[in-house]
C-alpha atoms as a PDB file:
ATOM      1  CA  PRO A   1      42.086  15.577 -29.458  1.00  0.00           C
ATOM      2  CA  ARG A   2      38.286  15.308 -29.360  1.00  0.00           C
ATOM      3  CA  SER A   3      37.881  16.905 -25.913  1.00  0.00           C
ATOM      4  CA  GLY A   4      38.505  20.309 -24.385  1.00  0.00           C
ATOM      5  CA  LYS A   5      37.380  22.294 -27.428  1.00  0.00           C
ATOM      6  CA  GLY A   6      34.086  23.584 -26.083  1.00  0.00           C
ATOM      7  CA  ALA A   7      31.238  23.221 -28.567  1.00  0.00           C
ATOM      8  CA  ASP A   8      33.721  21.981 -31.197  1.00  0.00           C
ATOM      9  CA  SER A   9      34.496  18.889 -29.087  1.00  0.00           C
ATOM     10  CA  VAL A  10      33.320  15.546 -30.412  1.00  0.00           C
ATOM     11  CA  PHE A  11      31.308  14.004 -27.574  1.00  0.00           C
ATOM     12  CA  PRO A  12      31.596  10.187 -27.643  1.00  0.00           C
ATOM     13  CA  GLU A  13      28.302   8.327 -27.709  1.00  0.00           C
ATOM     14  CA  GLU A  14      29.462   5.923 -24.967  1.00  0.00           C
ATOM     15  CA  LEU A  15      29.765   8.779 -22.461  1.00  0.00           C
ATOM     16  CA  LYS A  16      26.105   9.715 -22.605  1.00  0.00           C
ATOM     17  CA  GLY A  17      24.375   9.055 -19.324  1.00  0.00           C
ATOM     18  CA  TRP A  18      24.039  10.182 -15.735  1.00  0.00           C
ATOM     19  CA  ASN A  19      27.028  11.659 -13.880  1.00  0.00           C
ATOM     20  CA  TRP A  20      26.762  11.017 -10.127  1.00  0.00           C
ATOM     21  CA  GLY A  21      29.761  13.180  -9.281  1.00  0.00           C
ATOM     22  CA  ALA A  22      28.249  16.184 -11.017  1.00  0.00           C
ATOM     23  CA  ALA A  23      24.810  15.611  -9.467  1.00  0.00           C
ATOM     24  CA  GLY A  24      26.019  15.090  -5.917  1.00  0.00           C
ATOM     25  CA  LEU A  25      29.065  17.322  -5.669  1.00  0.00           C
ATOM     26  CA  THR A  26      27.663  20.064  -7.945  1.00  0.00           C
ATOM     27  CA  TRP A  27      29.909  23.139  -7.772  1.00  0.00           C
ATOM     28  CA  ILE A  28      32.908  21.226  -6.340  1.00  0.00           C
ATOM     29  CA  TRP A  29      32.828  18.830  -9.271  1.00  0.00           C
ATOM     30  CA  GLY A  30      32.159  21.727 -11.652  1.00  0.00           C
ATOM     31  CA  ALA A  31      35.106  23.815 -10.474  1.00  0.00           C
ATOM     32  CA  SER A  32      37.382  20.790 -10.870  1.00  0.00           C
ATOM     33  CA  HIS A  33      36.235  20.289 -14.468  1.00  0.00           C
ATOM     34  CA  ASN A  34      35.984  23.951 -15.560  1.00  0.00           C
ATOM     35  CA  VAL A  35      32.196  23.652 -15.709  1.00  0.00           C
ATOM     36  CA  TRP A  36      31.381  27.047 -14.258  1.00  0.00           C
ATOM     37  CA  LEU A  37      27.645  26.647 -14.901  1.00  0.00           C
ATOM     38  CA  SER A  38      27.701  24.448 -11.817  1.00  0.00           C
ATOM     39  CA  LEU A  39      27.908  27.643  -9.741  1.00  0.00           C
ATOM     40  CA  LEU A  40      24.222  28.186 -10.482  1.00  0.00           C
ATOM     41  CA  MET A  41      23.730  25.915  -7.457  1.00  0.00           C
ATOM     42  CA  PHE A  42      24.103  29.049  -5.346  1.00  0.00           C
ATOM     43  CA  ILE A  43      20.998  30.698  -6.821  1.00  0.00           C
ATOM     44  CA  PRO A  44      17.848  30.008  -4.817  1.00  0.00           C
ATOM     45  CA  TYR A  45      15.093  28.082  -6.615  1.00  0.00           C
ATOM     46  CA  ILE A  46      17.401  27.228  -9.525  1.00  0.00           C
ATOM     47  CA  ASN A  47      19.432  25.029  -7.191  1.00  0.00           C
ATOM     48  CA  ILE A  48      16.379  22.863  -6.496  1.00  0.00           C
ATOM     49  CA  PHE A  49      16.567  21.285  -9.940  1.00  0.00           C
ATOM     50  CA  TRP A  50      20.088  22.219 -11.070  1.00  0.00           C
ATOM     51  CA  TRP A  51      21.562  19.039  -9.587  1.00  0.00           C
ATOM     52  CA  VAL A  52      19.416  17.108 -12.089  1.00  0.00           C
ATOM     53  CA  VAL A  53      20.727  19.211 -14.978  1.00  0.00           C
ATOM     54  CA  LEU A  54      24.294  18.591 -13.813  1.00  0.00           C
ATOM     55  CA  GLY A  55      23.652  14.859 -13.578  1.00  0.00           C
ATOM     56  CA  ILE A  56      22.252  14.749 -17.107  1.00  0.00           C
ATOM     57  CA  LYS A  57      24.735  17.120 -18.805  1.00  0.00           C
ATOM     58  CA  GLY A  58      27.781  16.542 -16.578  1.00  0.00           C
ATOM     59  CA  ASN A  59      29.628  14.106 -18.814  1.00  0.00           C
ATOM     60  CA  GLN A  60      29.176  16.248 -21.892  1.00  0.00           C
ATOM     61  CA  TRP A  61      30.207  19.485 -20.190  1.00  0.00           C
ATOM     62  CA  ALA A  62      33.259  17.912 -18.544  1.00  0.00           C
ATOM     63  CA  TRP A  63      34.323  16.434 -21.880  1.00  0.00           C
ATOM     64  CA  GLU A  64      33.920  19.765 -23.663  1.00  0.00           C
ATOM     65  CA  LYS A  65      35.582  21.941 -21.010  1.00  0.00           C
ATOM     66  CA  SER A  66      38.627  19.811 -20.157  1.00  0.00           C
ATOM     67  CA  ARG A  67      41.144  17.906 -22.234  1.00  0.00           C
ATOM     68  CA  TRP A  68      41.094  14.133 -21.757  1.00  0.00           C
ATOM     69  CA  GLU A  69      43.692  11.631 -22.892  1.00  0.00           C
ATOM     70  CA  SER A  70      41.039   9.042 -23.809  1.00  0.00           C
ATOM     71  CA  VAL A  71      37.474   7.950 -23.172  1.00  0.00           C
ATOM     72  CA  GLU A  72      38.817   5.352 -20.751  1.00  0.00           C
ATOM     73  CA  LYS A  73      40.721   7.971 -18.733  1.00  0.00           C
ATOM     74  CA  PHE A  74      37.584  10.111 -18.632  1.00  0.00           C
ATOM     75  CA  LYS A  75      35.493   7.195 -17.337  1.00  0.00           C
ATOM     76  CA  GLU A  76      38.182   6.345 -14.796  1.00  0.00           C
ATOM     77  CA  SER A  77      38.171   9.914 -13.510  1.00  0.00           C
ATOM     78  CA  GLN A  78      34.380  10.159 -13.281  1.00  0.00           C
ATOM     79  CA  ASN A  79      34.176   6.803 -11.493  1.00  0.00           C
ATOM     80  CA  LYS A  80      36.348   8.277  -8.724  1.00  0.00           C
ATOM     81  CA  TRP A  81      33.788  11.038  -8.216  1.00  0.00           C
ATOM     82  CA  LYS A  82      30.808   8.660  -8.294  1.00  0.00           C
ATOM     83  CA  PRO A  83      30.740   7.274  -4.698  1.00  0.00           C
ATOM     84  CA  TRP A  84      31.240  10.734  -3.201  1.00  0.00           C
ATOM     85  CA  GLY A  85      28.532  12.195  -5.401  1.00  0.00           C
ATOM     86  CA  ILE A  86      26.062   9.483  -4.439  1.00  0.00           C
ATOM     87  CA  ALA A  87      26.900   9.844  -0.739  1.00  0.00           C
ATOM     88  CA  LEU A  88      26.500  13.624  -0.699  1.00  0.00           C
ATOM     89  CA  LEU A  89      23.319  13.507  -2.732  1.00  0.00           C
ATOM     90  CA  ILE A  90      21.765  10.991  -0.333  1.00  0.00           C
ATOM     91  CA  LEU A  91      22.988  12.967   2.667  1.00  0.00           C
ATOM     92  CA  GLY A  92      21.594  16.205   1.253  1.00  0.00           C
ATOM     93  CA  LEU A  93      18.216  14.698   0.436  1.00  0.00           C
ATOM     94  CA  ALA A  94      18.016  12.953   3.822  1.00  0.00           C
ATOM     95  CA  SER A  95      18.900  16.104   5.744  1.00  0.00           C
ATOM     96  CA  GLY A  96      16.355  18.110   3.758  1.00  0.00           C
ATOM     97  CA  PHE A  97      13.732  15.481   4.503  1.00  0.00           C
ATOM     98  CA  LEU A  98      14.610  15.412   8.214  1.00  0.00           C
ATOM     99  CA  LEU A  99      14.568  19.206   8.471  1.00  0.00           C
ATOM    100  CA  GLY A 100      11.125  19.190   6.872  1.00  0.00           C
ATOM    101  CA  ILE A 101       9.890  16.746   9.505  1.00  0.00           C
ATOM    102  CA  ILE A 102      11.457  18.666  12.399  1.00  0.00           C
ATOM    103  CA  GLU A 103      10.030  22.034  11.361  1.00  0.00           C
END
């Protein structure tokens, strides 16, 4: 009952921290969690740092925008996103680095 109420949600202290799924999968993760602010990734120059904002605020926004059965279920769900988020973030940074070298 503490989640899915927007700003009225009670955000558990133990969920504070970095969200790899939100940082790496940005708008895909956001659409799945009703975090529509993630679509700011499509705006040039904002997208350069928006992945950091999503990583920092991802847990809180997902908790506020979607209803969760428990903190444990929330953590379980976010842990499924984690390896994909890390992989895509590394791939994106590597490709950006390589394109910078090639050009």
